[in-house]
Amino acid sequence: MLKEDKFLPTFSNFGWKIEEREFEKAKKILASFREKRSNKRIPIFSIIDSDDDLDAITKNSKFFKNDSNKMEEFILIGTGGSSLGAEALMSAIDDNNKLNYHILNNLDSSKINSLLKQIEFKNFKVLAISKSGNTTETISLLLIICNWLQAKGLPIENHIMIMSDLKTINRKNIILDLARSKKIKTIEHESDVSGRFSSLTSTGLLPAAILGADPYRIRGSSRKALDYILDESNFMKFGSSIFADKSIHAKKLNCVMNYGSFLNPFVKWYRQLWAESLGKNGKGLFFISAEGSVDQHSQLQMWLDGPNIGIFTFLVSDSVTKSPSIPYFKSAPWLSRYALSELLKIMAMSTYDSLKLKNRPVRMINIPNRSVESIASLMTIYLVEVLLVAELLNVNPYDQPAVEDIKVNTLSRLKK
């Protein structure tokens, strides 16, 4: 058994019962993962096991960190897997140590109009990510930024970098067409890894590096987490086989509640990874996200006293910030001993205990600290969990045929 390190999460659970048959299946799947890892047959594992791409990531980050013309605002354009993983990593960087950044991931007119006013007199740079090069939202937002730069008489090539699949040359790639027409620098997106699995590649590591994170430390934490979680005795702490229960009593909802706002982007990343990888052929569990403590006042009544169809995960940070603390007030003296972060954790523990008393299956995952390395470790563990559940459900975790149908329908409407 591998020794835990300071970036690996710890686990506790109640009611995560695993049938012996599913347990044996899970052990065989983990053994196959270990074998495929050694034979480099799972691309994301092979990337985690190598540092070969990290020099290029460091080099590309220098485009954004030119000391002679210091960047004041960083803009990431991308949607889904092109931004969610990066945002999860970026959010974990200490607020005192990072520059202002903005993520354009949706077709929100008011947001981009506000952003253009905000950056008008500042030095900013843009990273646009689309593996296929044909993502409607990314292309639309990037065209608006390019047009705005041209109108201001600013050189587009000095402000924008594009990441896309440069190896697949026998299909249309609109964003590369745009790069060629505007002389924008392009860099390679990992061609063997789909968007939602790419958070620990340059897709996530470059934006994090731009904000000051060390890609070598991130990769090292991911590698240790992969070693750790592929050990079946460690993986079973997660009890992941419960998600593949096919009995009449099977649960229908994967409910995840995070305590600490820096974890919000991580849960959004996990939601996409879960839904697009597992929701196929009538299989999979619906994903419900919540934030503590605010959603204790909205969703908790249903969770505790509604139908018993959910499996619950709490994400809690072990980091305690002593400031601000609650001042003394004679009518509530019991509060004055605590900082807000301590009070938040007490609420998490209390909610966890309430779900146990109601015989709801619940697990708590404690993230040891607020750091990019801890988030990368947790990402790695969830990647393995989703791949294992996909095997148990007998679905392909790497495609998303229903989403592709929507893209075709949208393009058809746009071309009418």
Protein backbone atom coordinates (compact mmCIF):
# COMPACT_ATOMS: atom_id res chain seq x y z
CA MET A 1 0.00 0.00 0.00
CA LEU A 2 1.36 3.37 -0.99
CA LYS A 3 1.95 6.03 1.61
CA GLU A 4 -0.45 8.97 1.45
CA ASP A 5 1.03 12.40 0.81
CA LYS A 6 -0.05 15.92 1.65
CA PHE A 7 -2.07 16.38 -1.55
CA LEU A 8 -4.11 13.15 -1.47
CA PRO A 9 -7.68 13.33 -0.17
CA THR A 10 -8.94 11.18 2.69
CA PHE A 11 -12.29 9.37 2.79
CA SER A 12 -15.00 8.32 5.19
CA ASN A 13 -18.37 6.82 4.33
CA PHE A 14 -21.61 5.35 5.61
CA GLY A 15 -23.93 2.94 3.82
CA TRP A 16 -21.75 2.47 0.72
CA LYS A 17 -22.41 -1.24 0.59
CA ILE A 18 -20.71 -3.11 -2.20
CA GLU A 19 -22.02 -6.45 -3.38
CA GLU A 20 -19.32 -9.14 -3.45
CA ARG A 21 -19.93 -9.80 -7.14
CA GLU A 22 -19.45 -6.10 -8.01
CA PHE A 23 -16.40 -5.96 -5.77
CA GLU A 24 -14.80 -8.81 -7.69
CA LYS A 25 -15.63 -7.13 -11.00
CA ALA A 26 -14.09 -3.88 -9.79
CA LYS A 27 -10.88 -5.65 -8.77
CA LYS A 28 -10.57 -7.21 -12.22
CA ILE A 29 -11.17 -3.85 -13.90
CA LEU A 30 -8.52 -2.17 -11.73
CA ALA A 31 -6.09 -4.95 -12.63
CA SER A 32 -6.83 -4.33 -16.32
CA PHE A 33 -6.26 -0.59 -15.80
CA ARG A 34 -2.87 -1.32 -14.25
CA GLU A 35 -1.98 -3.58 -17.16
CA LYS A 36 -3.19 -1.04 -19.74
CA ARG A 37 -1.28 1.69 -17.95
CA SER A 38 1.98 -0.27 -18.17
CA ASN A 39 1.31 -0.92 -21.87
CA LYS A 40 0.35 2.73 -22.53
CA ARG A 41 -3.13 1.81 -23.76
CA ILE A 42 -5.02 4.53 -21.81
CA PRO A 43 -3.87 7.88 -23.25
CA ILE A 44 -4.60 10.04 -20.20
CA PHE A 45 -2.67 7.63 -17.97
CA SER A 46 0.28 7.77 -20.37
CA ILE A 47 0.26 11.57 -20.24
CA ILE A 48 0.13 11.57 -16.44
CA ASP A 49 3.08 9.17 -16.40
CA SER A 50 5.26 11.45 -18.53
CA ASP A 51 6.77 14.93 -18.27
CA ASP A 52 7.55 15.16 -21.97
CA ASP A 53 4.98 17.88 -22.67
CA LEU A 54 5.79 20.12 -19.71
CA ASP A 55 8.68 22.05 -21.27
CA ALA A 56 6.37 23.08 -24.13
CA ILE A 57 3.70 24.17 -21.63
CA THR A 58 6.26 26.29 -19.77
CA LYS A 59 7.52 27.77 -23.03
CA ASN A 60 4.00 28.62 -24.26
CA SER A 61 3.15 30.28 -20.95
CA LYS A 62 5.89 32.86 -21.66
CA PHE A 63 3.74 34.31 -24.45
CA PHE A 64 1.46 35.52 -21.66
CA LYS A 65 4.15 36.47 -19.14
CA ASN A 66 6.45 38.78 -21.09
CA ASP A 67 8.17 40.89 -18.42
CA SER A 68 8.68 43.84 -20.79
CA ASN A 69 4.94 44.20 -21.35
CA LYS A 70 3.29 42.75 -18.27
CA MET A 71 -0.14 41.20 -18.75
CA GLU A 72 -2.81 42.61 -16.46
CA GLU A 73 -5.81 40.48 -17.51
CA PHE A 74 -5.95 36.90 -18.80
CA ILE A 75 -8.92 35.66 -20.83
CA LEU A 76 -9.63 31.98 -21.46
CA ILE A 77 -12.15 31.20 -24.20
CA GLY A 78 -13.50 27.67 -24.29
CA THR A 79 -16.53 25.67 -23.32
CA GLY A 80 -17.03 22.28 -21.68
CA GLY A 81 -13.80 20.33 -21.39
CA SER A 82 -11.86 23.21 -22.94
CA SER A 83 -12.31 25.37 -19.85
CA LEU A 84 -13.90 23.48 -16.92
CA GLY A 85 -10.76 21.61 -15.86
CA ALA A 86 -8.60 24.69 -16.27
CA GLU A 87 -11.01 26.75 -14.18
CA ALA A 88 -10.98 24.10 -11.43
CA LEU A 89 -7.18 24.30 -11.25
CA MET A 90 -7.06 28.09 -11.52
CA SER A 91 -9.64 28.50 -8.75
CA ALA A 92 -7.39 26.63 -6.32
CA ILE A 93 -4.53 29.12 -6.70
CA ASP A 94 -4.29 31.51 -3.78
CA ASP A 95 -6.20 34.72 -4.62
CA ASN A 96 -3.27 36.82 -3.40
CA ASN A 97 -0.90 35.21 -5.89
CA LYS A 98 -2.72 35.37 -9.19
CA LEU A 99 -3.60 38.01 -11.76
CA ASN A 100 -7.11 38.84 -12.87
CA TYR A 101 -8.60 36.24 -15.16
CA HIS A 102 -11.86 35.80 -17.03
CA ILE A 103 -13.42 32.73 -18.57
CA LEU A 104 -15.68 33.12 -21.59
CA ASN A 105 -17.55 29.82 -21.84
CA ASN A 106 -21.07 30.85 -22.73
CA LEU A 107 -22.95 33.07 -25.17
CA ASP A 108 -23.62 35.81 -22.64
CA SER A 109 -23.85 39.23 -24.32
CA SER A 110 -23.81 41.22 -21.11
CA LYS A 111 -20.71 39.42 -19.83
CA ILE A 112 -18.61 40.00 -22.91
CA ASN A 113 -19.76 43.62 -23.27
CA SER A 114 -18.78 44.22 -19.64
CA LEU A 115 -15.44 42.49 -20.17
CA LEU A 116 -14.56 44.56 -23.23
CA LYS A 117 -15.14 47.75 -21.22
CA GLN A 118 -13.02 46.40 -18.39
CA ILE A 119 -9.99 45.53 -20.52
CA GLU A 120 -10.06 48.57 -22.81
CA PHE A 121 -7.09 50.34 -21.26
CA LYS A 122 -5.27 47.28 -19.95
CA ASN A 123 -2.75 44.84 -21.33
CA PHE A 124 -4.58 41.56 -21.78
CA LYS A 125 -4.02 38.29 -23.58
CA VAL A 126 -6.34 35.52 -24.73
CA LEU A 127 -6.05 31.75 -24.91
CA ALA A 128 -8.80 30.14 -27.03
CA ILE A 129 -9.19 26.36 -26.81
CA SER A 130 -11.20 24.09 -29.10
CA LYS A 131 -9.93 20.61 -29.87
CA SER A 132 -12.19 20.15 -32.90
CA GLY A 133 -11.79 23.75 -33.97
CA ASN A 134 -15.50 23.89 -34.74
CA THR A 135 -17.06 24.74 -31.37
CA THR A 136 -19.72 27.35 -32.16
CA GLU A 137 -19.44 29.22 -28.86
CA THR A 138 -15.64 29.46 -28.94
CA ILE A 139 -15.51 30.59 -32.57
CA SER A 140 -18.22 33.20 -32.02
CA LEU A 141 -16.58 34.68 -28.92
CA LEU A 142 -13.14 34.69 -30.51
CA LEU A 143 -14.45 36.46 -33.63
CA ILE A 144 -15.93 39.18 -31.40
CA ILE A 145 -12.59 39.64 -29.58
CA CYS A 146 -10.69 39.75 -32.89
CA ASN A 147 -13.08 42.33 -34.33
CA TRP A 148 -12.79 44.45 -31.17
CA LEU A 149 -8.98 44.36 -31.36
CA GLN A 150 -9.02 45.35 -35.03
CA ALA A 151 -11.38 48.23 -34.30
CA LYS A 152 -8.94 49.47 -31.64
CA GLY A 153 -6.00 49.16 -34.03
CA LEU A 154 -4.33 46.54 -31.83
CA PRO A 155 -2.30 43.67 -33.37
CA ILE A 156 -4.32 40.49 -32.96
CA GLU A 157 -1.26 38.23 -33.11
CA ASN A 158 0.20 39.91 -30.01
CA HIS A 159 -2.87 39.22 -27.89
CA ILE A 160 -4.19 35.77 -28.83
CA MET A 161 -3.01 32.17 -28.83
CA ILE A 162 -5.13 29.25 -30.08
CA MET A 163 -4.98 25.63 -28.92
CA SER A 164 -6.52 23.03 -31.23
CA ASP A 165 -5.91 19.60 -32.76
CA LEU A 166 -3.16 20.28 -35.28
CA LYS A 167 -2.61 16.65 -36.27
CA THR A 168 -6.00 15.77 -37.76
CA ILE A 169 -5.63 17.46 -41.14
CA ASN A 170 -8.32 15.73 -43.20
CA ARG A 171 -11.29 17.56 -41.75
CA LYS A 172 -12.51 21.11 -41.46
CA ASN A 173 -11.15 23.19 -38.56
CA ILE A 174 -12.65 26.67 -38.53
CA ILE A 175 -10.59 28.01 -35.65
CA LEU A 176 -7.36 27.12 -37.50
CA ASP A 177 -8.73 28.85 -40.59
CA LEU A 178 -9.19 31.93 -38.39
CA ALA A 179 -5.68 31.59 -36.99
CA ARG A 180 -4.18 31.49 -40.47
CA SER A 181 -6.19 34.47 -41.67
CA LYS A 182 -5.25 36.59 -38.61
CA LYS A 183 -1.68 35.24 -38.18
CA ILE A 184 -2.48 33.97 -34.68
CA LYS A 185 -0.04 31.59 -32.98
CA THR A 186 -1.37 28.02 -32.67
CA ILE A 187 -0.35 25.24 -30.29
CA GLU A 188 -1.22 21.56 -30.11
CA HIS A 189 -4.17 20.10 -28.21
CA GLU A 190 -3.58 16.45 -27.25
CA SER A 191 -5.16 14.61 -30.16
CA ASP A 192 -5.64 11.31 -28.29
CA VAL A 193 -7.55 12.79 -25.32
CA SER A 194 -11.09 14.15 -25.54
CA GLY A 195 -11.96 17.47 -23.92
CA ARG A 196 -13.46 16.30 -20.63
CA PHE A 197 -10.48 13.97 -20.01
CA SER A 198 -7.90 16.64 -20.91
CA SER A 199 -7.81 18.70 -17.70
CA LEU A 200 -4.41 17.26 -16.71
CA THR A 201 -2.91 17.90 -20.16
CA SER A 202 -1.92 21.27 -21.60
CA THR A 203 -5.63 22.17 -21.74
CA GLY A 204 -5.65 22.59 -17.98
CA LEU A 205 -1.98 22.97 -17.17
CA LEU A 206 -1.22 25.88 -19.51
CA PRO A 207 -3.89 28.22 -18.04
CA ALA A 208 -2.76 27.21 -14.53
CA ALA A 209 0.87 27.89 -15.47
CA ILE A 210 -0.09 31.29 -16.86
CA LEU A 211 -1.45 32.12 -13.41
CA GLY A 212 1.76 30.98 -11.75
CA ALA A 213 1.26 27.29 -10.98
CA ASP A 214 4.09 24.82 -11.55
CA PRO A 215 3.07 22.21 -14.17
CA TYR A 216 5.76 19.81 -12.91
CA ARG A 217 4.28 19.83 -9.41
CA ILE A 218 0.77 19.35 -10.81
CA ARG A 219 1.88 16.40 -12.92
CA GLY A 220 3.80 14.89 -10.02
CA SER A 221 0.72 15.03 -7.78
CA SER A 222 -1.42 13.46 -10.50
CA ARG A 223 1.05 10.63 -10.90
CA LYS A 224 1.14 9.90 -7.17
CA ALA A 225 -2.67 9.95 -7.06
CA LEU A 226 -2.84 7.52 -9.98
CA ASP A 227 -0.42 5.15 -8.23
CA TYR A 228 -2.49 5.43 -5.08
CA ILE A 229 -5.97 4.94 -6.49
CA LEU A 230 -5.12 2.04 -8.80
CA ASP A 231 -4.20 0.06 -5.69
CA GLU A 232 -7.46 -1.81 -5.10
CA SER A 233 -7.28 -1.48 -1.31
CA ASN A 234 -7.17 2.31 -1.67
CA PHE A 235 -9.76 2.49 -4.44
CA MET A 236 -12.34 0.63 -2.38
CA LYS A 237 -12.32 3.50 0.11
CA PHE A 238 -14.27 5.24 -2.63
CA GLY A 239 -16.78 2.40 -2.89
CA SER A 240 -17.34 3.36 -6.51
CA SER A 241 -19.05 0.11 -7.48
CA ILE A 242 -22.22 1.36 -5.80
CA PHE A 243 -22.83 3.59 -8.84
CA ALA A 244 -23.26 0.52 -11.03
CA ASP A 245 -25.91 -1.19 -8.89
CA LYS A 246 -28.50 -2.63 -11.29
CA SER A 247 -30.93 -4.02 -8.68
CA ILE A 248 -34.49 -2.83 -8.21
CA HIS A 249 -33.25 -0.86 -5.20
CA ALA A 250 -30.59 0.95 -7.22
CA LYS A 251 -30.08 4.65 -6.58
CA LYS A 252 -30.87 7.14 -9.33
CA LEU A 253 -29.02 10.29 -8.30
CA ASN A 254 -25.34 11.16 -7.76
CA CYS A 255 -25.56 14.12 -5.37
CA VAL A 256 -22.37 16.10 -4.73
CA MET A 257 -22.15 18.95 -2.21
CA ASN A 258 -19.00 21.02 -1.81
CA TYR A 259 -18.10 23.20 1.15
CA GLY A 260 -15.80 26.00 -0.01
CA SER A 261 -16.47 28.17 -3.05
CA PHE A 262 -13.06 27.40 -4.61
CA LEU A 263 -14.43 23.88 -5.19
CA ASN A 264 -17.39 25.08 -7.29
CA PRO A 265 -15.47 24.88 -10.61
CA PHE A 266 -14.20 21.41 -9.70
CA VAL A 267 -17.75 20.15 -9.21
CA LYS A 268 -18.75 21.61 -12.59
CA TRP A 269 -15.82 19.76 -14.18
CA TYR A 270 -16.82 16.54 -12.45
CA ARG A 271 -20.45 17.01 -13.53
CA GLN A 272 -19.46 17.10 -17.19
CA LEU A 273 -17.06 14.17 -16.81
CA TRP A 274 -19.80 12.12 -15.15
CA ALA A 275 -22.74 13.02 -17.39
CA GLU A 276 -21.04 12.85 -20.80
CA SER A 277 -19.08 9.71 -19.99
CA LEU A 278 -21.83 7.62 -18.37
CA GLY A 279 -25.23 8.81 -19.57
CA LYS A 280 -25.74 6.40 -22.46
CA ASN A 281 -28.16 3.71 -23.60
CA GLY A 282 -30.57 4.47 -20.77
CA LYS A 283 -27.81 3.93 -18.16
CA GLY A 284 -26.13 6.13 -15.60
CA LEU A 285 -27.17 8.26 -12.63
CA PHE A 286 -28.38 11.85 -12.87
CA PHE A 287 -25.91 14.32 -11.32
CA ILE A 288 -27.11 16.91 -8.80
CA SER A 289 -24.70 19.50 -7.42
CA ALA A 290 -25.07 21.67 -4.34
CA GLU A 291 -22.96 24.15 -2.38
CA GLY A 292 -22.70 24.22 1.39
CA SER A 293 -23.88 25.81 3.44
CA VAL A 294 -26.36 27.73 1.27
CA ASP A 295 -28.05 24.65 -0.21
CA GLN A 296 -28.69 23.24 3.24
CA HIS A 297 -31.54 25.74 3.10
CA SER A 298 -32.87 24.54 -0.25
CA GLN A 299 -32.10 20.95 -1.24
CA LEU A 300 -31.45 19.30 2.11
CA GLN A 301 -35.12 18.80 3.01
CA MET A 302 -35.56 16.66 -0.10
CA TRP A 303 -32.34 14.77 0.49
CA LEU A 304 -33.25 13.92 4.08
CA ASP A 305 -36.98 13.36 3.87
CA GLY A 306 -37.74 12.74 0.19
CA PRO A 307 -37.44 9.44 -1.69
CA ASN A 308 -34.30 7.46 -0.83
CA ILE A 309 -32.87 7.44 -4.35
CA GLY A 310 -29.64 9.42 -3.92
CA ILE A 311 -25.97 8.64 -3.26
CA PHE A 312 -24.27 11.57 -1.52
CA THR A 313 -20.71 12.89 -1.64
CA PHE A 314 -19.44 15.79 0.46
CA LEU A 315 -16.27 17.61 -0.62
CA VAL A 316 -14.69 19.43 2.31
CA SER A 317 -11.40 21.29 2.56
CA ASP A 318 -9.21 20.63 5.59
CA SER A 319 -7.71 24.10 5.21
CA VAL A 320 -8.82 26.44 7.97
CA THR A 321 -8.53 30.19 7.51
CA LYS A 322 -8.54 31.98 10.86
CA SER A 323 -9.77 35.23 9.34
CA PRO A 324 -12.42 36.41 9.46
CA SER A 325 -13.51 35.13 12.84
CA ILE A 326 -16.90 35.75 14.40
CA PRO A 327 -16.89 38.53 17.03
CA TYR A 328 -18.45 37.99 20.44
CA PHE A 329 -22.13 38.76 20.90
CA LYS A 330 -23.78 37.98 24.22
CA SER A 331 -26.92 36.48 22.66
CA ALA A 332 -24.85 33.97 20.65
CA PRO A 333 -21.63 33.40 22.63
CA TRP A 334 -21.15 29.90 21.13
CA LEU A 335 -20.30 31.43 17.75
CA SER A 336 -17.44 33.64 18.93
CA ARG A 337 -14.94 30.78 19.17
CA TYR A 338 -14.97 30.12 15.45
CA ALA A 339 -13.65 31.42 12.16
CA LEU A 340 -16.10 31.22 9.24
CA SER A 341 -14.14 28.35 7.67
CA GLU A 342 -14.41 26.38 10.94
CA LEU A 343 -18.15 27.01 11.13
CA LEU A 344 -18.54 25.84 7.52
CA LYS A 345 -16.80 22.54 8.30
CA ILE A 346 -18.97 21.99 11.39
CA MET A 347 -22.04 22.46 9.19
CA ALA A 348 -20.67 19.89 6.74
CA MET A 349 -20.10 17.34 9.52
CA SER A 350 -23.56 17.98 10.96
CA THR A 351 -25.23 17.48 7.57
CA TYR A 352 -23.20 14.32 6.98
CA ASP A 353 -24.39 12.94 10.33
CA SER A 354 -28.01 13.83 9.54
CA LEU A 355 -27.85 11.85 6.28
CA LYS A 356 -26.37 8.89 8.18
CA LEU A 357 -29.25 8.99 10.67
CA LYS A 358 -31.67 8.84 7.75
CA ASN A 359 -29.80 5.82 6.33
CA ARG A 360 -28.73 7.68 3.20
CA PRO A 361 -25.48 6.38 1.65
CA VAL A 362 -22.97 9.19 2.09
CA ARG A 363 -19.22 9.66 1.80
CA MET A 364 -17.03 12.57 2.80
CA ILE A 365 -13.90 13.44 0.86
CA ASN A 366 -11.48 15.71 2.71
CA ILE A 367 -9.20 17.76 0.49
CA PRO A 368 -6.04 18.38 2.54
CA ASN A 369 -5.46 21.98 1.44
CA ARG A 370 -6.40 24.59 -1.11
CA SER A 371 -3.80 23.98 -3.80
CA VAL A 372 -3.59 23.14 -7.49
CA GLU A 373 -1.82 19.92 -6.56
CA SER A 374 -4.69 18.77 -4.33
CA ILE A 375 -7.26 19.49 -7.04
CA ALA A 376 -5.12 17.61 -9.59
CA SER A 377 -4.95 14.63 -7.24
CA LEU A 378 -8.72 14.61 -6.80
CA MET A 379 -9.23 14.95 -10.56
CA THR A 380 -7.07 11.89 -11.13
CA ILE A 381 -9.06 9.86 -8.64
CA TYR A 382 -12.36 10.88 -10.23
CA LEU A 383 -11.05 10.05 -13.71
CA VAL A 384 -10.35 6.51 -12.55
CA GLU A 385 -13.71 6.27 -10.79
CA VAL A 386 -15.64 7.31 -13.90
CA LEU A 387 -13.67 4.91 -16.11
CA LEU A 388 -14.37 2.07 -13.68
CA VAL A 389 -18.09 2.83 -13.48
CA ALA A 390 -18.21 2.96 -17.30
CA GLU A 391 -16.72 -0.55 -17.42
CA LEU A 392 -19.26 -1.81 -14.87
CA LEU A 393 -22.13 -0.24 -16.84
CA ASN A 394 -20.67 -1.46 -20.15
CA VAL A 395 -20.73 1.98 -21.81
CA ASN A 396 -18.06 3.79 -23.83
CA PRO A 397 -16.86 6.70 -21.65
CA TYR A 398 -15.09 8.50 -24.48
CA ASP A 399 -17.91 9.40 -26.87
CA GLN A 400 -21.02 11.60 -26.53
CA PRO A 401 -23.32 10.74 -29.45
CA ALA A 402 -26.36 12.62 -28.15
CA VAL A 403 -24.33 15.84 -27.77
CA GLU A 404 -23.07 15.47 -31.33
CA ASP A 405 -26.71 15.29 -32.49
CA ILE A 406 -27.37 18.68 -30.86
CA LYS A 407 -24.35 20.19 -32.62
CA VAL A 408 -25.62 18.93 -35.98
CA ASN A 409 -29.12 20.29 -35.31
CA THR A 410 -27.74 23.69 -34.29
CA LEU A 411 -25.55 23.96 -37.38
CA SER A 412 -28.49 22.99 -39.58
CA ARG A 413 -30.59 25.80 -38.12
CA LEU A 414 -27.78 28.32 -38.47
CA LYS A 415 -27.31 27.50 -42.15
CA LYS A 416 -30.98 27.83 -43.11
